[in-house]
Amino acid sequence: MAEIQENSGGKTGKSKQKKMTVRVDFTPMVDMNMLLITFFMLCTTLSKPQTMEISMPSNEKDITEEQKSLVKASQAITLLLAGDNKLYYYEGEPNYEDYTSLKQTSYDASGLRAVLMQKNADAVNKVRALKQRKQNLEVTEEEYKKQLSEIKNEKNTPTVIIKATDDASYENLIAALDEMQICNIGKYVITDMAEGDEFLMENFEKKGELTKTLEGH
Protein backbone atom coordinates (compact mmCIF):
# COMPACT_ATOMS: atom_id res chain seq x y z
CA MET A 1 0.00 0.00 0.00
CA ALA A 2 1.07 3.57 -0.65
CA GLU A 3 1.47 6.03 2.18
CA ILE A 4 1.70 9.80 1.91
CA GLN A 5 3.66 11.63 4.56
CA GLU A 6 3.45 15.38 4.93
CA ASN A 7 6.53 17.33 5.90
CA SER A 8 6.16 20.99 6.84
CA GLY A 9 9.78 21.38 7.85
CA GLY A 10 8.84 22.23 11.50
CA LYS A 11 8.67 25.95 10.83
CA THR A 12 5.87 28.45 11.43
CA GLY A 13 5.10 31.70 9.75
CA LYS A 14 4.19 32.19 6.19
CA SER A 15 2.52 29.17 4.65
CA LYS A 16 4.75 27.29 2.30
CA GLN A 17 3.99 24.46 -0.02
CA LYS A 18 4.08 21.27 1.92
CA LYS A 19 6.42 18.55 0.68
CA MET A 20 4.93 15.11 0.35
CA THR A 21 6.92 11.90 0.46
CA VAL A 22 5.34 8.90 -1.24
CA ARG A 23 6.36 5.42 -0.06
CA VAL A 24 5.09 2.34 -1.88
CA ASP A 25 4.95 -0.91 0.05
CA PHE A 26 5.79 -3.83 -2.27
CA THR A 27 5.37 -6.52 0.35
CA PRO A 28 1.97 -7.73 -1.01
CA MET A 29 3.58 -8.16 -4.47
CA VAL A 30 5.71 -11.01 -3.10
CA ASP A 31 2.63 -13.02 -2.26
CA MET A 32 1.10 -12.18 -5.63
CA ASN A 33 4.22 -13.38 -7.48
CA MET A 34 4.23 -16.64 -5.54
CA LEU A 35 0.57 -17.23 -6.40
CA LEU A 36 1.23 -16.57 -10.09
CA ILE A 37 4.24 -18.90 -10.18
CA THR A 38 2.24 -21.64 -8.48
CA PHE A 39 -0.65 -21.12 -10.90
CA PHE A 40 1.52 -21.40 -14.02
CA MET A 41 3.35 -24.43 -12.64
CA LEU A 42 0.09 -26.28 -12.11
CA CYS A 43 -1.55 -25.22 -15.37
CA THR A 44 1.37 -25.47 -17.78
CA THR A 45 1.83 -28.78 -19.61
CA LEU A 46 5.46 -29.72 -19.77
CA SER A 47 6.71 -30.54 -23.28
CA LYS A 48 7.13 -34.25 -23.83
CA PRO A 49 10.43 -35.44 -25.30
CA GLN A 50 10.15 -36.62 -28.89
CA THR A 51 11.68 -39.96 -29.72
CA MET A 52 12.66 -41.44 -33.05
CA GLU A 53 12.54 -45.17 -33.67
CA ILE A 54 15.68 -46.49 -35.33
CA SER A 55 16.30 -50.08 -36.38
CA MET A 56 19.91 -50.98 -35.72
CA PRO A 57 21.81 -54.06 -36.94
CA SER A 58 21.65 -57.02 -34.62
CA ASN A 59 24.72 -57.85 -32.52
CA GLU A 60 23.79 -61.49 -32.03
CA LYS A 61 26.76 -63.71 -32.91
CA ASP A 62 24.64 -66.59 -34.17
CA ILE A 63 23.36 -64.49 -37.11
CA THR A 64 25.56 -64.78 -40.17
CA GLU A 65 26.53 -61.89 -42.43
CA GLU A 66 24.49 -63.46 -45.21
CA GLN A 67 21.36 -63.40 -43.03
CA LYS A 68 21.97 -59.80 -42.02
CA SER A 69 22.09 -58.63 -45.63
CA LEU A 70 19.31 -60.92 -46.86
CA VAL A 71 16.89 -58.44 -48.42
CA LYS A 72 14.82 -59.00 -51.50
CA ALA A 73 16.52 -57.04 -54.27
CA SER A 74 13.34 -55.54 -55.68
CA GLN A 75 12.41 -54.09 -52.27
CA ALA A 76 15.79 -52.78 -51.10
CA ILE A 77 17.12 -49.27 -51.52
CA THR A 78 20.46 -48.10 -50.15
CA LEU A 79 21.15 -44.47 -49.28
CA LEU A 80 24.73 -43.19 -49.27
CA LEU A 81 25.14 -39.95 -47.30
CA ALA A 82 28.26 -38.07 -48.37
CA GLY A 83 29.85 -34.71 -47.57
CA ASP A 84 28.71 -31.34 -48.93
CA ASN A 85 25.06 -32.44 -48.54
CA LYS A 86 25.45 -34.98 -51.34
CA LEU A 87 23.10 -37.95 -51.38
CA TYR A 88 23.40 -41.06 -53.54
CA TYR A 89 21.31 -44.22 -53.75
CA TYR A 90 20.96 -47.49 -55.59
CA GLU A 91 18.19 -50.06 -55.68
CA GLY A 92 18.53 -53.78 -55.14
CA GLU A 93 21.84 -55.52 -54.60
CA PRO A 94 24.93 -53.35 -55.14
CA ASN A 95 26.91 -53.74 -58.32
CA TYR A 96 30.30 -52.49 -57.23
CA GLU A 97 31.77 -53.08 -60.68
CA ASP A 98 29.34 -50.69 -62.39
CA TYR A 99 29.33 -47.18 -60.94
CA THR A 100 26.56 -46.18 -63.37
CA SER A 101 24.12 -48.10 -61.14
CA LEU A 102 24.51 -45.28 -58.60
CA LYS A 103 22.07 -42.37 -58.75
CA GLN A 104 22.23 -38.95 -57.14
CA THR A 105 19.35 -37.09 -55.50
CA SER A 106 18.79 -34.41 -52.87
CA TYR A 107 17.23 -34.05 -49.44
CA ASP A 108 14.42 -31.93 -50.88
CA ALA A 109 10.81 -33.09 -51.12
CA SER A 110 11.28 -33.52 -54.86
CA GLY A 111 14.37 -35.66 -54.27
CA LEU A 112 14.60 -38.39 -51.63
CA ARG A 113 10.97 -38.09 -50.61
CA ALA A 114 9.75 -38.58 -54.16
CA VAL A 115 11.95 -41.67 -54.53
CA LEU A 116 10.68 -43.23 -51.29
CA MET A 117 7.06 -42.33 -51.96
CA GLN A 118 7.21 -44.07 -55.32
CA LYS A 119 8.91 -47.10 -53.78
CA ASN A 120 6.39 -47.30 -50.93
CA ALA A 121 3.27 -46.09 -52.76
CA ASP A 122 1.05 -48.99 -51.70
CA ALA A 123 1.75 -48.56 -47.99
CA VAL A 124 1.42 -44.77 -48.22
CA ASN A 125 -2.08 -45.09 -49.67
CA LYS A 126 -3.10 -47.59 -46.99
CA VAL A 127 -1.80 -45.32 -44.22
CA ARG A 128 -3.76 -42.36 -45.61
CA ALA A 129 -6.94 -44.44 -45.63
CA LEU A 130 -6.23 -45.59 -42.08
CA LYS A 131 -5.71 -42.01 -40.87
CA GLN A 132 -9.02 -41.04 -42.44
CA ARG A 133 -10.75 -43.87 -40.56
CA LYS A 134 -9.17 -42.65 -37.35
CA GLN A 135 -10.43 -39.11 -37.96
CA ASN A 136 -13.91 -40.55 -38.51
CA LEU A 137 -13.59 -42.35 -35.16
CA GLU A 138 -13.97 -45.72 -36.86
CA VAL A 139 -10.88 -47.13 -35.10
CA THR A 140 -9.47 -46.57 -31.64
CA GLU A 141 -5.98 -45.23 -30.95
CA GLU A 142 -4.76 -48.70 -30.00
CA GLU A 143 -6.19 -50.28 -33.16
CA TYR A 144 -4.71 -47.46 -35.25
CA LYS A 145 -1.18 -48.04 -33.93
CA LYS A 146 -1.48 -51.79 -34.42
CA GLN A 147 -2.72 -51.54 -38.01
CA LEU A 148 -0.16 -48.83 -38.80
CA SER A 149 2.67 -51.09 -37.68
CA GLU A 150 1.28 -53.97 -39.74
CA ILE A 151 1.04 -51.83 -42.88
CA LYS A 152 4.60 -50.51 -42.53
CA ASN A 153 6.03 -53.99 -42.07
CA GLU A 154 4.19 -55.84 -44.83
CA LYS A 155 6.24 -58.17 -47.02
CA ASN A 156 6.02 -55.96 -50.10
CA THR A 157 7.19 -52.79 -48.34
CA PRO A 158 10.75 -51.58 -49.06
CA THR A 159 13.73 -51.90 -46.77
CA VAL A 160 15.96 -48.82 -46.65
CA ILE A 161 19.65 -49.21 -45.78
CA ILE A 162 21.28 -45.96 -44.65
CA LYS A 163 25.05 -45.58 -44.86
CA ALA A 164 26.93 -42.41 -44.00
CA THR A 165 30.50 -41.40 -44.75
CA ASP A 166 32.69 -39.63 -42.21
CA ASP A 167 32.11 -36.38 -44.11
CA ALA A 168 28.31 -36.58 -43.81
CA SER A 169 26.81 -34.22 -41.26
CA TYR A 170 24.50 -35.09 -38.40
CA GLU A 171 21.87 -32.89 -40.03
CA ASN A 172 21.98 -35.09 -43.14
CA LEU A 173 21.32 -38.21 -41.08
CA ILE A 174 18.40 -36.60 -39.25
CA ALA A 175 16.94 -35.43 -42.58
CA ALA A 176 17.12 -38.98 -43.94
CA LEU A 177 15.49 -40.41 -40.81
CA ASP A 178 12.73 -37.80 -41.00
CA GLU A 179 11.92 -39.00 -44.51
CA MET A 180 11.50 -42.53 -43.13
CA GLN A 181 8.66 -41.25 -40.94
CA ILE A 182 7.12 -39.03 -43.60
CA CYS A 183 7.14 -41.80 -46.22
CA ASN A 184 5.89 -44.45 -43.75
CA ILE A 185 9.00 -46.61 -44.11
CA GLY A 186 8.74 -49.29 -41.43
CA LYS A 187 11.93 -51.22 -42.22
CA TYR A 188 15.16 -49.24 -42.25
CA VAL A 189 18.59 -49.73 -40.79
CA ILE A 190 21.77 -47.69 -40.25
CA THR A 191 24.93 -49.61 -41.08
CA ASP A 192 28.58 -49.04 -41.96
CA MET A 193 29.82 -47.86 -45.32
CA ALA A 194 31.45 -50.58 -47.44
CA GLU A 195 34.56 -50.11 -49.56
CA GLY A 196 32.51 -50.85 -52.64
CA ASP A 197 30.14 -47.99 -51.79
CA GLU A 198 33.06 -45.57 -51.57
CA PHE A 199 34.32 -46.87 -54.91
CA LEU A 200 30.93 -46.17 -56.51
CA MET A 201 30.80 -42.61 -55.18
CA GLU A 202 34.39 -41.79 -56.17
CA ASN A 203 33.88 -42.98 -59.73
CA PHE A 204 30.49 -41.28 -59.94
CA GLU A 205 32.06 -37.95 -58.99
CA LYS A 206 34.93 -38.49 -61.45
CA LYS A 207 32.36 -39.14 -64.17
CA GLY A 208 30.61 -35.88 -63.29
CA GLU A 209 33.85 -33.90 -63.38
CA LEU A 210 34.77 -35.45 -66.73
CA THR A 211 31.36 -34.59 -68.17
CA LYS A 212 31.70 -30.96 -67.06
CA THR A 213 35.15 -30.80 -68.64
CA LEU A 214 33.90 -32.14 -71.96
CA GLU A 215 30.93 -29.78 -71.95
CA GLY A 216 33.28 -26.87 -71.31
CA HIS A 217 35.16 -27.66 -74.49
C-alpha atoms as a PDB file:
ATOM      1  CA  MET A   1       0.000   0.000   0.000  1.00  0.00           C
ATOM      2  CA  ALA A   2       1.066   3.571  -0.648  1.00  0.00           C
ATOM      3  CA  GLU A   3       1.475   6.028   2.176  1.00  0.00           C
ATOM      4  CA  ILE A   4       1.700   9.805   1.915  1.00  0.00           C
ATOM      5  CA  GLN A   5       3.659  11.632   4.562  1.00  0.00           C
ATOM      6  CA  GLU A   6       3.446  15.381   4.926  1.00  0.00           C
ATOM      7  CA  ASN A   7       6.526  17.332   5.896  1.00  0.00           C
ATOM      8  CA  SER A   8       6.159  20.990   6.837  1.00  0.00           C
ATOM      9  CA  GLY A   9       9.777  21.385   7.846  1.00  0.00           C
ATOM     10  CA  GLY A  10       8.835  22.229  11.501  1.00  0.00           C
ATOM     11  CA  LYS A  11       8.675  25.951  10.830  1.00  0.00           C
ATOM     12  CA  THR A  12       5.868  28.451  11.426  1.00  0.00           C
ATOM     13  CA  GLY A  13       5.095  31.699   9.748  1.00  0.00           C
ATOM     14  CA  LYS A  14       4.193  32.187   6.190  1.00  0.00           C
ATOM     15  CA  SER A  15       2.524  29.166   4.646  1.00  0.00           C
ATOM     16  CA  LYS A  16       4.752  27.294   2.301  1.00  0.00           C
ATOM     17  CA  GLN A  17       3.994  24.461  -0.021  1.00  0.00           C
ATOM     18  CA  LYS A  18       4.084  21.268   1.919  1.00  0.00           C
ATOM     19  CA  LYS A  19       6.419  18.553   0.677  1.00  0.00           C
ATOM     20  CA  MET A  20       4.927  15.114   0.349  1.00  0.00           C
ATOM     21  CA  THR A  21       6.921  11.900   0.461  1.00  0.00           C
ATOM     22  CA  VAL A  22       5.341   8.898  -1.243  1.00  0.00           C
ATOM     23  CA  ARG A  23       6.359   5.423  -0.062  1.00  0.00           C
ATOM     24  CA  VAL A  24       5.087   2.344  -1.883  1.00  0.00           C
ATOM     25  CA  ASP A  25       4.951  -0.910   0.051  1.00  0.00           C
ATOM     26  CA  PHE A  26       5.793  -3.826  -2.268  1.00  0.00           C
ATOM     27  CA  THR A  27       5.368  -6.525   0.353  1.00  0.00           C
ATOM     28  CA  PRO A  28       1.973  -7.733  -1.015  1.00  0.00           C
ATOM     29  CA  MET A  29       3.585  -8.160  -4.466  1.00  0.00           C
ATOM     30  CA  VAL A  30       5.714 -11.008  -3.097  1.00  0.00           C
ATOM     31  CA  ASP A  31       2.631 -13.016  -2.260  1.00  0.00           C
ATOM     32  CA  MET A  32       1.100 -12.179  -5.634  1.00  0.00           C
ATOM     33  CA  ASN A  33       4.215 -13.376  -7.475  1.00  0.00           C
ATOM     34  CA  MET A  34       4.230 -16.636  -5.544  1.00  0.00           C
ATOM     35  CA  LEU A  35       0.574 -17.227  -6.402  1.00  0.00           C
ATOM     36  CA  LEU A  36       1.229 -16.571 -10.095  1.00  0.00           C
ATOM     37  CA  ILE A  37       4.235 -18.897 -10.178  1.00  0.00           C
ATOM     38  CA  THR A  38       2.238 -21.638  -8.480  1.00  0.00           C
ATOM     39  CA  PHE A  39      -0.652 -21.118 -10.900  1.00  0.00           C
ATOM     40  CA  PHE A  40       1.521 -21.404 -14.017  1.00  0.00           C
ATOM     41  CA  MET A  41       3.355 -24.433 -12.642  1.00  0.00           C
ATOM     42  CA  LEU A  42       0.088 -26.277 -12.107  1.00  0.00           C
ATOM     43  CA  CYS A  43      -1.555 -25.216 -15.371  1.00  0.00           C
ATOM     44  CA  THR A  44       1.371 -25.475 -17.782  1.00  0.00           C
ATOM     45  CA  THR A  45       1.827 -28.782 -19.612  1.00  0.00           C
ATOM     46  CA  LEU A  46       5.458 -29.723 -19.772  1.00  0.00           C
ATOM     47  CA  SER A  47       6.707 -30.543 -23.282  1.00  0.00           C
ATOM     48  CA  LYS A  48       7.126 -34.250 -23.832  1.00  0.00           C
ATOM     49  CA  PRO A  49      10.425 -35.435 -25.297  1.00  0.00           C
ATOM     50  CA  GLN A  50      10.148 -36.615 -28.888  1.00  0.00           C
ATOM     51  CA  THR A  51      11.684 -39.963 -29.719  1.00  0.00           C
ATOM     52  CA  MET A  52      12.658 -41.438 -33.046  1.00  0.00           C
ATOM     53  CA  GLU A  53      12.536 -45.168 -33.666  1.00  0.00           C
ATOM     54  CA  ILE A  54      15.682 -46.486 -35.329  1.00  0.00           C
ATOM     55  CA  SER A  55      16.300 -50.080 -36.382  1.00  0.00           C
ATOM     56  CA  MET A  56      19.912 -50.978 -35.721  1.00  0.00           C
ATOM     57  CA  PRO A  57      21.806 -54.059 -36.938  1.00  0.00           C
ATOM     58  CA  SER A  58      21.647 -57.019 -34.619  1.00  0.00           C
ATOM     59  CA  ASN A  59      24.720 -57.851 -32.518  1.00  0.00           C
ATOM     60  CA  GLU A  60      23.793 -61.491 -32.035  1.00  0.00           C
ATOM     61  CA  LYS A  61      26.760 -63.710 -32.909  1.00  0.00           C
ATOM     62  CA  ASP A  62      24.643 -66.592 -34.175  1.00  0.00           C
ATOM     63  CA  ILE A  63      23.361 -64.486 -37.107  1.00  0.00           C
ATOM     64  CA  THR A  64      25.564 -64.779 -40.170  1.00  0.00           C
ATOM     65  CA  GLU A  65      26.533 -61.894 -42.429  1.00  0.00           C
ATOM     66  CA  GLU A  66      24.491 -63.457 -45.207  1.00  0.00           C
ATOM     67  CA  GLN A  67      21.356 -63.402 -43.027  1.00  0.00           C
ATOM     68  CA  LYS A  68      21.966 -59.797 -42.024  1.00  0.00           C
ATOM     69  CA  SER A  69      22.091 -58.628 -45.629  1.00  0.00           C
ATOM     70  CA  LEU A  70      19.309 -60.918 -46.861  1.00  0.00           C
ATOM     71  CA  VAL A  71      16.894 -58.442 -48.421  1.00  0.00           C
ATOM     72  CA  LYS A  72      14.823 -58.995 -51.495  1.00  0.00           C
ATOM     73  CA  ALA A  73      16.524 -57.038 -54.272  1.00  0.00           C
ATOM     74  CA  SER A  74      13.336 -55.545 -55.678  1.00  0.00           C
ATOM     75  CA  GLN A  75      12.413 -54.094 -52.266  1.00  0.00           C
ATOM     76  CA  ALA A  76      15.795 -52.783 -51.100  1.00  0.00           C
ATOM     77  CA  ILE A  77      17.118 -49.267 -51.518  1.00  0.00           C
ATOM     78  CA  THR A  78      20.465 -48.100 -50.151  1.00  0.00           C
ATOM     79  CA  LEU A  79      21.154 -44.467 -49.279  1.00  0.00           C
ATOM     80  CA  LEU A  80      24.733 -43.192 -49.267  1.00  0.00           C
ATOM     81  CA  LEU A  81      25.138 -39.953 -47.299  1.00  0.00           C
ATOM     82  CA  ALA A  82      28.265 -38.069 -48.370  1.00  0.00           C
ATOM     83  CA  GLY A  83      29.850 -34.711 -47.565  1.00  0.00           C
ATOM     84  CA  ASP A  84      28.712 -31.335 -48.926  1.00  0.00           C
ATOM     85  CA  ASN A  85      25.058 -32.439 -48.543  1.00  0.00           C
ATOM     86  CA  LYS A  86      25.452 -34.979 -51.344  1.00  0.00           C
ATOM     87  CA  LEU A  87      23.102 -37.952 -51.385  1.00  0.00           C
ATOM     88  CA  TYR A  88      23.395 -41.062 -53.544  1.00  0.00           C
ATOM     89  CA  TYR A  89      21.312 -44.220 -53.746  1.00  0.00           C
ATOM     90  CA  TYR A  90      20.963 -47.488 -55.590  1.00  0.00           C
ATOM     91  CA  GLU A  91      18.193 -50.059 -55.682  1.00  0.00           C
ATOM     92  CA  GLY A  92      18.529 -53.785 -55.142  1.00  0.00           C
ATOM     93  CA  GLU A  93      21.837 -55.522 -54.604  1.00  0.00           C
ATOM     94  CA  PRO A  94      24.929 -53.352 -55.139  1.00  0.00           C
ATOM     95  CA  ASN A  95      26.913 -53.739 -58.324  1.00  0.00           C
ATOM     96  CA  TYR A  96      30.301 -52.494 -57.232  1.00  0.00           C
ATOM     97  CA  GLU A  97      31.766 -53.082 -60.680  1.00  0.00           C
ATOM     98  CA  ASP A  98      29.343 -50.694 -62.391  1.00  0.00           C
ATOM     99  CA  TYR A  99      29.330 -47.177 -60.942  1.00  0.00           C
ATOM    100  CA  THR A 100      26.563 -46.181 -63.366  1.00  0.00           C
ATOM    101  CA  SER A 101      24.124 -48.098 -61.139  1.00  0.00           C
ATOM    102  CA  LEU A 102      24.507 -45.279 -58.602  1.00  0.00           C
ATOM    103  CA  LYS A 103      22.070 -42.374 -58.751  1.00  0.00           C
ATOM    104  CA  GLN A 104      22.234 -38.951 -57.137  1.00  0.00           C
ATOM    105  CA  THR A 105      19.355 -37.094 -55.503  1.00  0.00           C
ATOM    106  CA  SER A 106      18.792 -34.406 -52.866  1.00  0.00           C
ATOM    107  CA  TYR A 107      17.235 -34.054 -49.437  1.00  0.00           C
ATOM    108  CA  ASP A 108      14.418 -31.927 -50.878  1.00  0.00           C
ATOM    109  CA  ALA A 109      10.809 -33.085 -51.122  1.00  0.00           C
ATOM    110  CA  SER A 110      11.276 -33.519 -54.864  1.00  0.00           C
ATOM    111  CA  GLY A 111      14.366 -35.663 -54.269  1.00  0.00           C
ATOM    112  CA  LEU A 112      14.603 -38.387 -51.626  1.00  0.00           C
ATOM    113  CA  ARG A 113      10.966 -38.092 -50.607  1.00  0.00           C
ATOM    114  CA  ALA A 114       9.753 -38.580 -54.161  1.00  0.00           C
ATOM    115  CA  VAL A 115      11.948 -41.671 -54.526  1.00  0.00           C
ATOM    116  CA  LEU A 116      10.684 -43.230 -51.295  1.00  0.00           C
ATOM    117  CA  MET A 117       7.059 -42.330 -51.963  1.00  0.00           C
ATOM    118  CA  GLN A 118       7.206 -44.070 -55.316  1.00  0.00           C
ATOM    119  CA  LYS A 119       8.905 -47.097 -53.782  1.00  0.00           C
ATOM    120  CA  ASN A 120       6.389 -47.296 -50.925  1.00  0.00           C
ATOM    121  CA  ALA A 121       3.269 -46.087 -52.763  1.00  0.00           C
ATOM    122  CA  ASP A 122       1.047 -48.993 -51.705  1.00  0.00           C
ATOM    123  CA  ALA A 123       1.753 -48.563 -47.986  1.00  0.00           C
ATOM    124  CA  VAL A 124       1.416 -44.769 -48.216  1.00  0.00           C
ATOM    125  CA  ASN A 125      -2.084 -45.088 -49.675  1.00  0.00           C
ATOM    126  CA  LYS A 126      -3.098 -47.586 -46.988  1.00  0.00           C
ATOM    127  CA  VAL A 127      -1.802 -45.316 -44.220  1.00  0.00           C
ATOM    128  CA  ARG A 128      -3.759 -42.360 -45.615  1.00  0.00           C
ATOM    129  CA  ALA A 129      -6.935 -44.437 -45.633  1.00  0.00           C
ATOM    130  CA  LEU A 130      -6.234 -45.593 -42.082  1.00  0.00           C
ATOM    131  CA  LYS A 131      -5.713 -42.008 -40.873  1.00  0.00           C
ATOM    132  CA  GLN A 132      -9.020 -41.036 -42.437  1.00  0.00           C
ATOM    133  CA  ARG A 133     -10.748 -43.868 -40.565  1.00  0.00           C
ATOM    134  CA  LYS A 134      -9.169 -42.652 -37.354  1.00  0.00           C
ATOM    135  CA  GLN A 135     -10.433 -39.114 -37.964  1.00  0.00           C
ATOM    136  CA  ASN A 136     -13.910 -40.548 -38.514  1.00  0.00           C
ATOM    137  CA  LEU A 137     -13.591 -42.354 -35.160  1.00  0.00           C
ATOM    138  CA  GLU A 138     -13.968 -45.715 -36.863  1.00  0.00           C
ATOM    139  CA  VAL A 139     -10.879 -47.126 -35.102  1.00  0.00           C
ATOM    140  CA  THR A 140      -9.466 -46.569 -31.643  1.00  0.00           C
ATOM    141  CA  GLU A 141      -5.979 -45.231 -30.946  1.00  0.00           C
ATOM    142  CA  GLU A 142      -4.760 -48.702 -30.004  1.00  0.00           C
ATOM    143  CA  GLU A 143      -6.186 -50.277 -33.162  1.00  0.00           C
ATOM    144  CA  TYR A 144      -4.707 -47.463 -35.248  1.00  0.00           C
ATOM    145  CA  LYS A 145      -1.183 -48.040 -33.926  1.00  0.00           C
ATOM    146  CA  LYS A 146      -1.485 -51.791 -34.419  1.00  0.00           C
ATOM    147  CA  GLN A 147      -2.716 -51.538 -38.010  1.00  0.00           C
ATOM    148  CA  LEU A 148      -0.163 -48.826 -38.803  1.00  0.00           C
ATOM    149  CA  SER A 149       2.668 -51.090 -37.680  1.00  0.00           C
ATOM    150  CA  GLU A 150       1.280 -53.969 -39.737  1.00  0.00           C
ATOM    151  CA  ILE A 151       1.040 -51.828 -42.876  1.00  0.00           C
ATOM    152  CA  LYS A 152       4.600 -50.514 -42.530  1.00  0.00           C
ATOM    153  CA  ASN A 153       6.033 -53.986 -42.069  1.00  0.00           C
ATOM    154  CA  GLU A 154       4.190 -55.839 -44.825  1.00  0.00           C
ATOM    155  CA  LYS A 155       6.241 -58.172 -47.023  1.00  0.00           C
ATOM    156  CA  ASN A 156       6.015 -55.957 -50.095  1.00  0.00           C
ATOM    157  CA  THR A 157       7.195 -52.786 -48.338  1.00  0.00           C
ATOM    158  CA  PRO A 158      10.748 -51.575 -49.059  1.00  0.00           C
ATOM    159  CA  THR A 159      13.732 -51.900 -46.767  1.00  0.00           C
ATOM    160  CA  VAL A 160      15.963 -48.817 -46.649  1.00  0.00           C
ATOM    161  CA  ILE A 161      19.650 -49.205 -45.776  1.00  0.00           C
ATOM    162  CA  ILE A 162      21.275 -45.957 -44.646  1.00  0.00           C
ATOM    163  CA  LYS A 163      25.050 -45.578 -44.865  1.00  0.00           C
ATOM    164  CA  ALA A 164      26.928 -42.408 -44.001  1.00  0.00           C
ATOM    165  CA  THR A 165      30.501 -41.396 -44.753  1.00  0.00           C
ATOM    166  CA  ASP A 166      32.693 -39.630 -42.206  1.00  0.00           C
ATOM    167  CA  ASP A 167      32.108 -36.380 -44.108  1.00  0.00           C
ATOM    168  CA  ALA A 168      28.313 -36.581 -43.810  1.00  0.00           C
ATOM    169  CA  SER A 169      26.806 -34.220 -41.261  1.00  0.00           C
ATOM    170  CA  TYR A 170      24.502 -35.091 -38.396  1.00  0.00           C
ATOM    171  CA  GLU A 171      21.872 -32.885 -40.028  1.00  0.00           C
ATOM    172  CA  ASN A 172      21.977 -35.086 -43.143  1.00  0.00           C
ATOM    173  CA  LEU A 173      21.322 -38.207 -41.075  1.00  0.00           C
ATOM    174  CA  ILE A 174      18.396 -36.598 -39.249  1.00  0.00           C
ATOM    175  CA  ALA A 175      16.938 -35.428 -42.578  1.00  0.00           C
ATOM    176  CA  ALA A 176      17.124 -38.983 -43.937  1.00  0.00           C
ATOM    177  CA  LEU A 177      15.485 -40.406 -40.806  1.00  0.00           C
ATOM    178  CA  ASP A 178      12.727 -37.795 -41.002  1.00  0.00           C
ATOM    179  CA  GLU A 179      11.919 -38.999 -44.505  1.00  0.00           C
ATOM    180  CA  MET A 180      11.501 -42.528 -43.127  1.00  0.00           C
ATOM    181  CA  GLN A 181       8.661 -41.253 -40.944  1.00  0.00           C
ATOM    182  CA  ILE A 182       7.118 -39.028 -43.602  1.00  0.00           C
ATOM    183  CA  CYS A 183       7.139 -41.800 -46.216  1.00  0.00           C
ATOM    184  CA  ASN A 184       5.891 -44.455 -43.754  1.00  0.00           C
ATOM    185  CA  ILE A 185       8.997 -46.613 -44.106  1.00  0.00           C
ATOM    186  CA  GLY A 186       8.736 -49.285 -41.429  1.00  0.00           C
ATOM    187  CA  LYS A 187      11.926 -51.217 -42.216  1.00  0.00           C
ATOM    188  CA  TYR A 188      15.155 -49.239 -42.250  1.00  0.00           C
ATOM    189  CA  VAL A 189      18.592 -49.734 -40.786  1.00  0.00           C
ATOM    190  CA  ILE A 190      21.775 -47.692 -40.250  1.00  0.00           C
ATOM    191  CA  THR A 191      24.925 -49.606 -41.075  1.00  0.00           C
ATOM    192  CA  ASP A 192      28.582 -49.038 -41.958  1.00  0.00           C
ATOM    193  CA  MET A 193      29.817 -47.865 -45.323  1.00  0.00           C
ATOM    194  CA  ALA A 194      31.448 -50.582 -47.444  1.00  0.00           C
ATOM    195  CA  GLU A 195      34.560 -50.112 -49.560  1.00  0.00           C
ATOM    196  CA  GLY A 196      32.512 -50.849 -52.644  1.00  0.00           C
ATOM    197  CA  ASP A 197      30.138 -47.990 -51.789  1.00  0.00           C
ATOM    198  CA  GLU A 198      33.061 -45.572 -51.566  1.00  0.00           C
ATOM    199  CA  PHE A 199      34.315 -46.871 -54.906  1.00  0.00           C
ATOM    200  CA  LEU A 200      30.931 -46.165 -56.514  1.00  0.00           C
ATOM    201  CA  MET A 201      30.804 -42.606 -55.175  1.00  0.00           C
ATOM    202  CA  GLU A 202      34.390 -41.793 -56.168  1.00  0.00           C
ATOM    203  CA  ASN A 203      33.875 -42.978 -59.735  1.00  0.00           C
ATOM    204  CA  PHE A 204      30.491 -41.280 -59.943  1.00  0.00           C
ATOM    205  CA  GLU A 205      32.058 -37.946 -58.992  1.00  0.00           C
ATOM    206  CA  LYS A 206      34.932 -38.486 -61.447  1.00  0.00           C
ATOM    207  CA  LYS A 207      32.364 -39.137 -64.166  1.00  0.00           C
ATOM    208  CA  GLY A 208      30.607 -35.880 -63.291  1.00  0.00           C
ATOM    209  CA  GLU A 209      33.845 -33.898 -63.382  1.00  0.00           C
ATOM    210  CA  LEU A 210      34.769 -35.451 -66.728  1.00  0.00           C
ATOM    211  CA  THR A 211      31.356 -34.593 -68.168  1.00  0.00           C
ATOM    212  CA  LYS A 212      31.703 -30.957 -67.064  1.00  0.00           C
ATOM    213  CA  THR A 213      35.150 -30.796 -68.635  1.00  0.00           C
ATOM    214  CA  LEU A 214      33.899 -32.142 -71.962  1.00  0.00           C
ATOM    215  CA  GLU A 215      30.927 -29.776 -71.951  1.00  0.00           C
ATOM    216  CA  GLY A 216      33.284 -26.872 -71.307  1.00  0.00           C
ATOM    217  CA  HIS A 217      35.159 -27.662 -74.494  1.00  0.00           C
END
